[in-house]
Amino acid sequence: MAGHKLAGPQRLSLGHDPIPAFDVRLDEADVEAVAQTLRSGWLTMGPRIEAFEAEFGRHLGVQHAVATSSATAALHLAYLAAGVGPGDEVIVPGITFVATAAAARYCGARPVLAEVLGQHDLSIDPEDVVARIGPRTKALCAVHYAGYAAPMAALREICEAHGVALIEDAAHSPSATVPGEERKLGTLGLAGAFSFFSNKIISCGEGGLLATADDEVAAFARSRRSHAIAATRSATTSWTPASTTVWTSRGRRCCRPGCRASRPTSPSAGGSPTAIGRCSARCRA
């Protein structure tokens, strides 16, 4: 290789201008909205986030919309809320963005890749899902690839039959529906994850959202997304706790003075994914 000059990156000649995968378009109203947010002093969660959650929840027709820092974070929270933990398995399609599988690894679980239906449909194959379900399977993630609906009816039936949580990766589909189904994608399983990354249909640069109809999953996600800190601010601009309880690896513990009661809320602690509740009848925390 001595004396040989390596060529730099070469642009592929197509004979025409390439078609961009996406195009970010911002107008003065977008710029002013950001400026108003900066002037308000709310640089993290605040009134605008709460308003967006409420509006997006109405758009989806779902009871709870929990904003997150990314769709990856939403998937991570959804898996945790489903009880996914170390030693468990989460079935994901073999063709998807890496976050679908990586979020399972964040929980200490192993992602299990299932086949897609084929070149005509990149959705996960229900028949292959059945073949890959085992004693450690805790959840299945249905990805609505490019906004096209996964076969939700078949997947829901499989999950119900095997006691597996159904999570939706709806990063590409903030307003799509299954043919013949009025409910929007991302609202058909235990929880759905949405993305607002710069190349998505709805973009804010970065961001995500967890949608769910389950009160307990929503409460879990709201607590875990920001270290049990609420989006409320006192006159001194200090943050206040979301409630009198904190989440631990073994459940929910009361923070009221003099109360040491606790209640397990995870399968590893003897509870279940739906056991997220008040830590004690005495203090009602």
C-alpha atoms as a PDB file:
ATOM      1  CA  MET A   1       0.000   0.000   0.000  1.00  0.00           C
ATOM      2  CA  ALA A   2       3.073   2.246   0.134  1.00  0.00           C
ATOM      3  CA  GLY A   3       2.661   5.276  -2.077  1.00  0.00           C
ATOM      4  CA  HIS A   4      -0.991   4.418  -2.742  1.00  0.00           C
ATOM      5  CA  LYS A   5      -3.432   7.203  -2.035  1.00  0.00           C
ATOM      6  CA  LEU A   6      -6.731   5.985  -0.676  1.00  0.00           C
ATOM      7  CA  ALA A   7      -9.738   7.446  -2.411  1.00  0.00           C
ATOM      8  CA  GLY A   8     -12.215   9.411  -0.317  1.00  0.00           C
ATOM      9  CA  PRO A   9     -15.937   8.715  -0.189  1.00  0.00           C
ATOM     10  CA  GLN A  10     -17.357   8.563  -3.689  1.00  0.00           C
ATOM     11  CA  ARG A  11     -20.825   9.826  -4.601  1.00  0.00           C
ATOM     12  CA  LEU A  12     -22.782   7.234  -6.533  1.00  0.00           C
ATOM     13  CA  SER A  13     -23.792   8.602  -9.896  1.00  0.00           C
ATOM     14  CA  LEU A  14     -27.487   7.921 -10.441  1.00  0.00           C
ATOM     15  CA  GLY A  15     -28.025  10.151 -13.420  1.00  0.00           C
ATOM     16  CA  HIS A  16     -30.475  12.230 -11.391  1.00  0.00           C
ATOM     17  CA  ASP A  17     -30.731  13.961  -8.044  1.00  0.00           C
ATOM     18  CA  PRO A  18     -31.261  11.533  -5.139  1.00  0.00           C
ATOM     19  CA  ILE A  19     -34.655  11.503  -3.465  1.00  0.00           C
ATOM     20  CA  PRO A  20     -34.236  12.456   0.224  1.00  0.00           C
ATOM     21  CA  ALA A  21     -35.567  10.013   2.801  1.00  0.00           C
ATOM     22  CA  PHE A  22     -37.158  12.927   4.644  1.00  0.00           C
ATOM     23  CA  ASP A  23     -37.281  16.708   4.554  1.00  0.00           C
ATOM     24  CA  VAL A  24     -37.487  18.855   7.679  1.00  0.00           C
ATOM     25  CA  ARG A  25     -39.552  21.976   7.083  1.00  0.00           C
ATOM     26  CA  LEU A  26     -39.864  24.650   9.759  1.00  0.00           C
ATOM     27  CA  ASP A  27     -41.681  27.947   9.524  1.00  0.00           C
ATOM     28  CA  GLU A  28     -41.666  31.094  11.650  1.00  0.00           C
ATOM     29  CA  ALA A  29     -44.478  29.761  13.843  1.00  0.00           C
ATOM     30  CA  ASP A  30     -42.239  26.802  14.811  1.00  0.00           C
ATOM     31  CA  VAL A  31     -39.350  29.120  15.610  1.00  0.00           C
ATOM     32  CA  GLU A  32     -41.589  31.390  17.693  1.00  0.00           C
ATOM     33  CA  ALA A  33     -42.999  28.418  19.623  1.00  0.00           C
ATOM     34  CA  VAL A  34     -39.466  27.434  20.614  1.00  0.00           C
ATOM     35  CA  ALA A  35     -38.665  31.019  21.569  1.00  0.00           C
ATOM     36  CA  GLN A  36     -41.774  31.192  23.768  1.00  0.00           C
ATOM     37  CA  THR A  37     -40.709  28.000  25.507  1.00  0.00           C
ATOM     38  CA  LEU A  38     -37.244  29.403  26.185  1.00  0.00           C
ATOM     39  CA  ARG A  39     -38.708  32.644  27.539  1.00  0.00           C
ATOM     40  CA  SER A  40     -41.048  30.722  29.840  1.00  0.00           C
ATOM     41  CA  GLY A  41     -38.194  29.157  31.787  1.00  0.00           C
ATOM     42  CA  TRP A  42     -39.646  25.654  31.355  1.00  0.00           C
ATOM     43  CA  LEU A  43     -36.800  23.901  29.566  1.00  0.00           C
ATOM     44  CA  THR A  44     -37.904  20.370  30.482  1.00  0.00           C
ATOM     45  CA  MET A  45     -41.326  18.953  31.360  1.00  0.00           C
ATOM     46  CA  GLY A  46     -43.917  21.633  31.897  1.00  0.00           C
ATOM     47  CA  PRO A  47     -47.241  23.043  30.650  1.00  0.00           C
ATOM     48  CA  ARG A  48     -46.434  22.534  26.968  1.00  0.00           C
ATOM     49  CA  ILE A  49     -45.579  18.869  27.527  1.00  0.00           C
ATOM     50  CA  GLU A  50     -48.791  18.358  29.486  1.00  0.00           C
ATOM     51  CA  ALA A  51     -50.813  20.058  26.734  1.00  0.00           C
ATOM     52  CA  PHE A  52     -49.144  17.920  24.082  1.00  0.00           C
ATOM     53  CA  GLU A  53     -49.796  14.721  26.041  1.00  0.00           C
ATOM     54  CA  ALA A  54     -53.468  15.625  26.372  1.00  0.00           C
ATOM     55  CA  GLU A  55     -53.835  16.509  22.684  1.00  0.00           C
ATOM     56  CA  PHE A  56     -51.977  13.445  21.427  1.00  0.00           C
ATOM     57  CA  GLY A  57     -53.980  11.226  23.755  1.00  0.00           C
ATOM     58  CA  ARG A  58     -57.217  12.661  22.306  1.00  0.00           C
ATOM     59  CA  HIS A  59     -55.844  12.134  18.804  1.00  0.00           C
ATOM     60  CA  LEU A  60     -55.150   8.475  19.544  1.00  0.00           C
ATOM     61  CA  GLY A  61     -58.336   7.983  21.513  1.00  0.00           C
ATOM     62  CA  VAL A  62     -56.379   6.579  24.448  1.00  0.00           C
ATOM     63  CA  GLN A  63     -56.615   7.451  28.113  1.00  0.00           C
ATOM     64  CA  HIS A  64     -52.922   7.960  28.845  1.00  0.00           C
ATOM     65  CA  ALA A  65     -50.166   9.562  26.763  1.00  0.00           C
ATOM     66  CA  VAL A  66     -46.820   9.800  28.564  1.00  0.00           C
ATOM     67  CA  ALA A  67     -44.124  11.890  26.896  1.00  0.00           C
ATOM     68  CA  THR A  68     -40.571  10.531  26.981  1.00  0.00           C
ATOM     69  CA  SER A  69     -37.152  11.571  25.757  1.00  0.00           C
ATOM     70  CA  SER A  70     -37.341   9.111  22.846  1.00  0.00           C
ATOM     71  CA  ALA A  71     -39.285   6.172  21.444  1.00  0.00           C
ATOM     72  CA  THR A  72     -36.486   3.978  22.756  1.00  0.00           C
ATOM     73  CA  ALA A  73     -37.209   5.223  26.274  1.00  0.00           C
ATOM     74  CA  ALA A  74     -40.923   4.582  25.694  1.00  0.00           C
ATOM     75  CA  LEU A  75     -40.188   0.992  24.637  1.00  0.00           C
ATOM     76  CA  HIS A  76     -37.925   0.518  27.656  1.00  0.00           C
ATOM     77  CA  LEU A  77     -40.703   1.711  29.984  1.00  0.00           C
ATOM     78  CA  ALA A  78     -43.291  -0.425  28.193  1.00  0.00           C
ATOM     79  CA  TYR A  79     -41.184  -3.563  28.602  1.00  0.00           C
ATOM     80  CA  LEU A  80     -40.528  -2.803  32.267  1.00  0.00           C
ATOM     81  CA  ALA A  81     -44.229  -2.177  32.885  1.00  0.00           C
ATOM     82  CA  ALA A  82     -44.943  -5.561  31.294  1.00  0.00           C
ATOM     83  CA  GLY A  83     -42.708  -7.183  33.876  1.00  0.00           C
ATOM     84  CA  VAL A  84     -39.740  -7.838  31.582  1.00  0.00           C
ATOM     85  CA  GLY A  85     -36.557  -8.416  33.571  1.00  0.00           C
ATOM     86  CA  PRO A  86     -33.279 -10.336  33.672  1.00  0.00           C
ATOM     87  CA  GLY A  87     -33.528 -13.806  32.170  1.00  0.00           C
ATOM     88  CA  ASP A  88     -36.730 -13.060  30.268  1.00  0.00           C
ATOM     89  CA  GLU A  89     -37.177 -13.063  26.497  1.00  0.00           C
ATOM     90  CA  VAL A  90     -38.890 -10.539  24.228  1.00  0.00           C
ATOM     91  CA  ILE A  91     -39.850 -11.572  20.691  1.00  0.00           C
ATOM     92  CA  VAL A  92     -39.174  -8.882  18.087  1.00  0.00           C
ATOM     93  CA  PRO A  93     -39.205  -8.909  14.270  1.00  0.00           C
ATOM     94  CA  GLY A  94     -35.920  -9.585  12.507  1.00  0.00           C
ATOM     95  CA  ILE A  95     -36.345  -6.403  10.437  1.00  0.00           C
ATOM     96  CA  THR A  96     -36.761  -3.330  12.625  1.00  0.00           C
ATOM     97  CA  PHE A  97     -34.779  -0.447  14.059  1.00  0.00           C
ATOM     98  CA  VAL A  98     -32.308  -1.647  16.679  1.00  0.00           C
ATOM     99  CA  ALA A  99     -34.157   0.117  19.522  1.00  0.00           C
ATOM    100  CA  THR A 100     -36.942  -2.489  19.455  1.00  0.00           C
ATOM    101  CA  ALA A 101     -34.436  -5.123  20.562  1.00  0.00           C
ATOM    102  CA  ALA A 102     -32.054  -2.861  22.493  1.00  0.00           C
ATOM    103  CA  ALA A 103     -34.818  -1.779  24.883  1.00  0.00           C
ATOM    104  CA  ALA A 104     -35.241  -5.433  25.884  1.00  0.00           C
ATOM    105  CA  ARG A 105     -31.527  -5.628  26.647  1.00  0.00           C
ATOM    106  CA  TYR A 106     -31.862  -2.561  28.883  1.00  0.00           C
ATOM    107  CA  CYS A 107     -34.226  -4.666  31.015  1.00  0.00           C
ATOM    108  CA  GLY A 108     -31.703  -7.495  31.189  1.00  0.00           C
ATOM    109  CA  ALA A 109     -33.806  -9.603  28.820  1.00  0.00           C
ATOM    110  CA  ARG A 110     -32.829 -11.393  25.610  1.00  0.00           C
ATOM    111  CA  PRO A 111     -34.402 -10.289  22.329  1.00  0.00           C
ATOM    112  CA  VAL A 112     -35.546 -13.218  20.199  1.00  0.00           C
ATOM    113  CA  LEU A 113     -35.720 -12.469  16.474  1.00  0.00           C
ATOM    114  CA  ALA A 114     -38.729 -13.755  14.564  1.00  0.00           C
ATOM    115  CA  GLU A 115     -39.168 -13.880  10.803  1.00  0.00           C
ATOM    116  CA  VAL A 116     -41.179 -11.294   8.885  1.00  0.00           C
ATOM    117  CA  LEU A 117     -43.957 -12.272   6.501  1.00  0.00           C
ATOM    118  CA  GLY A 118     -41.852 -11.595   3.402  1.00  0.00           C
ATOM    119  CA  GLN A 119     -40.764  -8.963   0.926  1.00  0.00           C
ATOM    120  CA  HIS A 120     -44.391  -8.022   0.377  1.00  0.00           C
ATOM    121  CA  ASP A 121     -44.943  -7.355   4.092  1.00  0.00           C
ATOM    122  CA  LEU A 122     -42.208  -6.638   6.650  1.00  0.00           C
ATOM    123  CA  SER A 123     -44.517  -7.303   9.611  1.00  0.00           C
ATOM    124  CA  ILE A 124     -43.620 -10.017  12.095  1.00  0.00           C
ATOM    125  CA  ASP A 125     -44.913 -13.482  11.100  1.00  0.00           C
ATOM    126  CA  PRO A 126     -47.458 -14.796  13.644  1.00  0.00           C
ATOM    127  CA  GLU A 127     -46.676 -18.422  12.820  1.00  0.00           C
ATOM    128  CA  ASP A 128     -42.990 -17.909  13.512  1.00  0.00           C
ATOM    129  CA  VAL A 129     -43.856 -16.083  16.720  1.00  0.00           C
ATOM    130  CA  VAL A 130     -45.694 -19.157  17.992  1.00  0.00           C
ATOM    131  CA  ALA A 131     -42.662 -21.319  17.187  1.00  0.00           C
ATOM    132  CA  ARG A 132     -40.384 -19.035  19.228  1.00  0.00           C
ATOM    133  CA  ILE A 133     -42.501 -18.669  22.361  1.00  0.00           C
ATOM    134  CA  GLY A 134     -40.899 -20.430  25.303  1.00  0.00           C
ATOM    135  CA  PRO A 135     -41.083 -20.550  29.095  1.00  0.00           C
ATOM    136  CA  ARG A 136     -39.051 -17.329  29.376  1.00  0.00           C
ATOM    137  CA  THR A 137     -41.095 -15.306  26.872  1.00  0.00           C
ATOM    138  CA  LYS A 138     -42.475 -12.259  28.658  1.00  0.00           C
ATOM    139  CA  ALA A 139     -43.458  -9.929  25.827  1.00  0.00           C
ATOM    140  CA  LEU A 140     -43.899  -9.620  22.075  1.00  0.00           C
ATOM    141  CA  CYS A 141     -43.251  -6.376  20.212  1.00  0.00           C
ATOM    142  CA  ALA A 142     -45.297  -5.778  17.076  1.00  0.00           C
ATOM    143  CA  VAL A 143     -43.593  -3.240  14.815  1.00  0.00           C
ATOM    144  CA  HIS A 144     -45.774  -1.314  12.376  1.00  0.00           C
ATOM    145  CA  TYR A 145     -42.963  -1.003   9.874  1.00  0.00           C
ATOM    146  CA  ALA A 146     -43.138   2.131   7.679  1.00  0.00           C
ATOM    147  CA  GLY A 147     -46.601   2.751   9.114  1.00  0.00           C
ATOM    148  CA  TYR A 148     -48.117  -0.477   7.796  1.00  0.00           C
ATOM    149  CA  ALA A 149     -50.111  -2.357  10.395  1.00  0.00           C
ATOM    150  CA  ALA A 150     -48.771  -5.616  11.792  1.00  0.00           C
ATOM    151  CA  PRO A 151     -51.316  -8.496  11.910  1.00  0.00           C
ATOM    152  CA  MET A 152     -52.669  -7.375  15.267  1.00  0.00           C
ATOM    153  CA  ALA A 153     -55.687  -9.681  15.488  1.00  0.00           C
ATOM    154  CA  ALA A 154     -53.514 -12.793  15.157  1.00  0.00           C
ATOM    155  CA  LEU A 155     -50.822 -11.416  17.460  1.00  0.00           C
ATOM    156  CA  ARG A 156     -53.312 -10.476  20.175  1.00  0.00           C
ATOM    157  CA  GLU A 157     -54.796 -13.960  20.041  1.00  0.00           C
ATOM    158  CA  ILE A 158     -51.357 -15.524  20.393  1.00  0.00           C
ATOM    159  CA  CYS A 159     -50.408 -13.280  23.310  1.00  0.00           C
ATOM    160  CA  GLU A 160     -53.657 -13.945  25.158  1.00  0.00           C
ATOM    161  CA  ALA A 161     -53.289 -17.692  24.676  1.00  0.00           C
ATOM    162  CA  HIS A 162     -49.736 -17.742  26.040  1.00  0.00           C
ATOM    163  CA  GLY A 163     -49.972 -15.035  28.710  1.00  0.00           C
ATOM    164  CA  VAL A 164     -47.519 -12.777  26.888  1.00  0.00           C
ATOM    165  CA  ALA A 165     -47.683  -8.972  26.962  1.00  0.00           C
ATOM    166  CA  LEU A 166     -48.239  -7.308  23.577  1.00  0.00           C
ATOM    167  CA  ILE A 167     -46.232  -4.115  23.052  1.00  0.00           C
ATOM    168  CA  GLU A 168     -46.444  -1.981  19.896  1.00  0.00           C
ATOM    169  CA  ASP A 169     -43.573  -0.128  18.242  1.00  0.00           C
ATOM    170  CA  ALA A 170     -45.608   2.548  16.467  1.00  0.00           C
ATOM    171  CA  ALA A 171     -42.708   4.906  15.775  1.00  0.00           C
ATOM    172  CA  HIS A 172     -43.737   5.122  12.118  1.00  0.00           C
ATOM    173  CA  SER A 173     -47.490   5.328  12.583  1.00  0.00           C
ATOM    174  CA  PRO A 174     -48.810   8.225  14.680  1.00  0.00           C
ATOM    175  CA  SER A 175     -52.222   8.145  13.005  1.00  0.00           C
ATOM    176  CA  ALA A 176     -52.629   4.805  11.204  1.00  0.00           C
ATOM    177  CA  THR A 177     -55.317   2.191  11.780  1.00  0.00           C
ATOM    178  CA  VAL A 178     -55.780  -1.494  11.080  1.00  0.00           C
ATOM    179  CA  PRO A 179     -58.182  -2.027   8.160  1.00  0.00           C
ATOM    180  CA  GLY A 180     -61.625  -2.468   9.640  1.00  0.00           C
ATOM    181  CA  GLU A 181     -60.491  -1.265  13.077  1.00  0.00           C
ATOM    182  CA  GLU A 182     -61.366   2.195  14.364  1.00  0.00           C
ATOM    183  CA  ARG A 183     -58.680   2.281  17.041  1.00  0.00           C
ATOM    184  CA  LYS A 184     -55.291   3.635  15.999  1.00  0.00           C
ATOM    185  CA  LEU A 185     -52.071   1.665  15.953  1.00  0.00           C
ATOM    186  CA  GLY A 186     -50.201   1.925  19.224  1.00  0.00           C
ATOM    187  CA  THR A 187     -53.407   1.563  21.271  1.00  0.00           C
ATOM    188  CA  LEU A 188     -54.154  -2.116  20.645  1.00  0.00           C
ATOM    189  CA  GLY A 189     -51.697  -3.720  23.063  1.00  0.00           C
ATOM    190  CA  LEU A 190     -50.649  -3.150  26.653  1.00  0.00           C
ATOM    191  CA  ALA A 191     -48.667  -0.089  25.548  1.00  0.00           C
ATOM    192  CA  GLY A 192     -47.482   1.563  22.345  1.00  0.00           C
ATOM    193  CA  ALA A 193     -44.321   3.578  21.679  1.00  0.00           C
ATOM    194  CA  PHE A 194     -44.221   6.585  19.345  1.00  0.00           C
ATOM    195  CA  SER A 195     -41.283   8.588  17.985  1.00  0.00           C
ATOM    196  CA  PHE A 196     -40.911  12.316  17.289  1.00  0.00           C
ATOM    197  CA  PHE A 197     -37.370  12.117  15.931  1.00  0.00           C
ATOM    198  CA  SER A 198     -36.448  14.553  13.171  1.00  0.00           C
ATOM    199  CA  ASN A 199     -37.250  12.127  10.328  1.00  0.00           C
ATOM    200  CA  LYS A 200     -40.644  11.029  11.636  1.00  0.00           C
ATOM    201  CA  ILE A 201     -44.091  12.126  10.467  1.00  0.00           C
ATOM    202  CA  ILE A 202     -44.532  14.267  13.575  1.00  0.00           C
ATOM    203  CA  SER A 203     -41.203  15.704  14.684  1.00  0.00           C
ATOM    204  CA  CYS A 204     -39.895  17.851  17.499  1.00  0.00           C
ATOM    205  CA  GLY A 205     -36.221  17.039  16.895  1.00  0.00           C
ATOM    206  CA  GLU A 206     -36.063  14.418  19.639  1.00  0.00           C
ATOM    207  CA  GLY A 207     -38.744  12.820  21.735  1.00  0.00           C
ATOM    208  CA  GLY A 208     -41.122   9.919  22.154  1.00  0.00           C
ATOM    209  CA  LEU A 209     -44.341   8.914  23.868  1.00  0.00           C
ATOM    210  CA  LEU A 210     -45.868   5.895  25.566  1.00  0.00           C
ATOM    211  CA  ALA A 211     -49.596   5.389  25.017  1.00  0.00           C
ATOM    212  CA  THR A 212     -51.693   3.048  27.132  1.00  0.00           C
ATOM    213  CA  ALA A 213     -55.219   2.490  28.402  1.00  0.00           C
ATOM    214  CA  ASP A 214     -53.871   0.870  31.572  1.00  0.00           C
ATOM    215  CA  ASP A 215     -53.848   3.195  34.598  1.00  0.00           C
ATOM    216  CA  GLU A 216     -51.124   1.243  36.349  1.00  0.00           C
ATOM    217  CA  VAL A 217     -48.818   1.128  33.341  1.00  0.00           C
ATOM    218  CA  ALA A 218     -49.259   4.893  32.921  1.00  0.00           C
ATOM    219  CA  ALA A 219     -48.489   5.546  36.592  1.00  0.00           C
ATOM    220  CA  PHE A 220     -45.395   3.359  36.341  1.00  0.00           C
ATOM    221  CA  ALA A 221     -44.182   5.149  33.186  1.00  0.00           C
ATOM    222  CA  ARG A 222     -44.761   8.618  34.611  1.00  0.00           C
ATOM    223  CA  SER A 223     -42.767   7.721  37.708  1.00  0.00           C
ATOM    224  CA  ARG A 224     -39.884   5.987  35.981  1.00  0.00           C
ATOM    225  CA  ARG A 225     -39.450   8.429  33.081  1.00  0.00           C
ATOM    226  CA  SER A 226     -37.985  11.113  35.340  1.00  0.00           C
ATOM    227  CA  HIS A 227     -36.774   9.495  38.555  1.00  0.00           C
ATOM    228  CA  ALA A 228     -40.159   9.969  40.300  1.00  0.00           C
ATOM    229  CA  ILE A 229     -39.914  13.744  39.857  1.00  0.00           C
ATOM    230  CA  ALA A 230     -43.078  15.554  38.808  1.00  0.00           C
ATOM    231  CA  ALA A 231     -43.430  18.213  36.139  1.00  0.00           C
ATOM    232  CA  THR A 232     -44.398  20.812  38.712  1.00  0.00           C
ATOM    233  CA  ARG A 233     -42.343  23.769  39.848  1.00  0.00           C
ATOM    234  CA  SER A 234     -42.489  25.824  43.019  1.00  0.00           C
ATOM    235  CA  ALA A 235     -42.003  29.574  43.269  1.00  0.00           C
ATOM    236  CA  THR A 236     -38.297  28.970  43.788  1.00  0.00           C
ATOM    237  CA  THR A 237     -38.139  26.876  40.568  1.00  0.00           C
ATOM    238  CA  SER A 238     -37.228  23.750  42.502  1.00  0.00           C
ATOM    239  CA  TRP A 239     -38.711  20.427  41.440  1.00  0.00           C
ATOM    240  CA  THR A 240     -41.090  18.585  43.751  1.00  0.00           C
ATOM    241  CA  PRO A 241     -41.705  14.830  44.149  1.00  0.00           C
ATOM    242  CA  ALA A 242     -44.415  13.328  41.963  1.00  0.00           C
ATOM    243  CA  SER A 243     -46.034  11.675  44.962  1.00  0.00           C
ATOM    244  CA  THR A 244     -45.290  10.384  48.425  1.00  0.00           C
ATOM    245  CA  THR A 245     -44.003   7.133  46.962  1.00  0.00           C
ATOM    246  CA  VAL A 246     -40.847   6.059  45.203  1.00  0.00           C
ATOM    247  CA  TRP A 247     -40.201   3.109  42.930  1.00  0.00           C
ATOM    248  CA  THR A 248     -37.500   0.624  43.826  1.00  0.00           C
ATOM    249  CA  SER A 249     -36.292  -2.573  42.184  1.00  0.00           C
ATOM    250  CA  ARG A 250     -38.596  -4.459  44.534  1.00  0.00           C
ATOM    251  CA  GLY A 251     -41.671  -2.290  44.302  1.00  0.00           C
ATOM    252  CA  ARG A 252     -43.200   0.914  45.541  1.00  0.00           C
ATOM    253  CA  ARG A 253     -42.273   2.384  48.921  1.00  0.00           C
ATOM    254  CA  CYS A 254     -44.011   5.155  50.845  1.00  0.00           C
ATOM    255  CA  CYS A 255     -42.104   8.341  51.618  1.00  0.00           C
ATOM    256  CA  ARG A 256     -44.457   9.688  54.255  1.00  0.00           C
ATOM    257  CA  PRO A 257     -42.695  10.354  57.576  1.00  0.00           C
ATOM    258  CA  GLY A 258     -43.095   7.414  59.904  1.00  0.00           C
ATOM    259  CA  CYS A 259     -44.451   5.050  57.260  1.00  0.00           C
ATOM    260  CA  ARG A 260     -42.186   2.225  56.155  1.00  0.00           C
ATOM    261  CA  ALA A 261     -44.824   0.204  54.389  1.00  0.00           C
ATOM    262  CA  SER A 262     -44.109  -1.213  50.954  1.00  0.00           C
ATOM    263  CA  ARG A 263     -45.742  -3.429  48.408  1.00  0.00           C
ATOM    264  CA  PRO A 264     -44.015  -5.572  45.762  1.00  0.00           C
ATOM    265  CA  THR A 265     -44.905  -4.619  42.221  1.00  0.00           C
ATOM    266  CA  SER A 266     -42.720  -6.772  40.027  1.00  0.00           C
ATOM    267  CA  PRO A 267     -42.835 -10.487  39.204  1.00  0.00           C
ATOM    268  CA  SER A 268     -39.397 -10.940  40.763  1.00  0.00           C
ATOM    269  CA  ALA A 269     -40.787  -9.519  44.009  1.00  0.00           C
ATOM    270  CA  GLY A 270     -43.755 -11.842  44.059  1.00  0.00           C
ATOM    271  CA  GLY A 271     -46.152  -9.484  42.345  1.00  0.00           C
ATOM    272  CA  SER A 272     -47.359  -9.180  38.785  1.00  0.00           C
ATOM    273  CA  PRO A 273     -47.279  -6.549  36.030  1.00  0.00           C
ATOM    274  CA  THR A 274     -50.738  -5.452  37.175  1.00  0.00           C
ATOM    275  CA  ALA A 275     -49.861  -5.254  40.849  1.00  0.00           C
ATOM    276  CA  ILE A 276     -48.678  -1.660  40.646  1.00  0.00           C
ATOM    277  CA  GLY A 277     -50.815  -0.001  43.290  1.00  0.00           C
ATOM    278  CA  ARG A 278     -50.893   1.748  46.612  1.00  0.00           C
ATOM    279  CA  CYS A 279     -48.105   0.597  48.854  1.00  0.00           C
ATOM    280  CA  SER A 280     -50.236   0.413  51.964  1.00  0.00           C
ATOM    281  CA  ALA A 281     -53.874   0.746  52.948  1.00  0.00           C
ATOM    282  CA  ARG A 282     -52.833   2.597  56.085  1.00  0.00           C
ATOM    283  CA  CYS A 283     -51.156   5.598  54.461  1.00  0.00           C
ATOM    284  CA  ARG A 284     -52.950   5.361  51.083  1.00  0.00           C
ATOM    285  CA  ALA A 285     -49.780   6.423  49.280  1.00  0.00           C
END
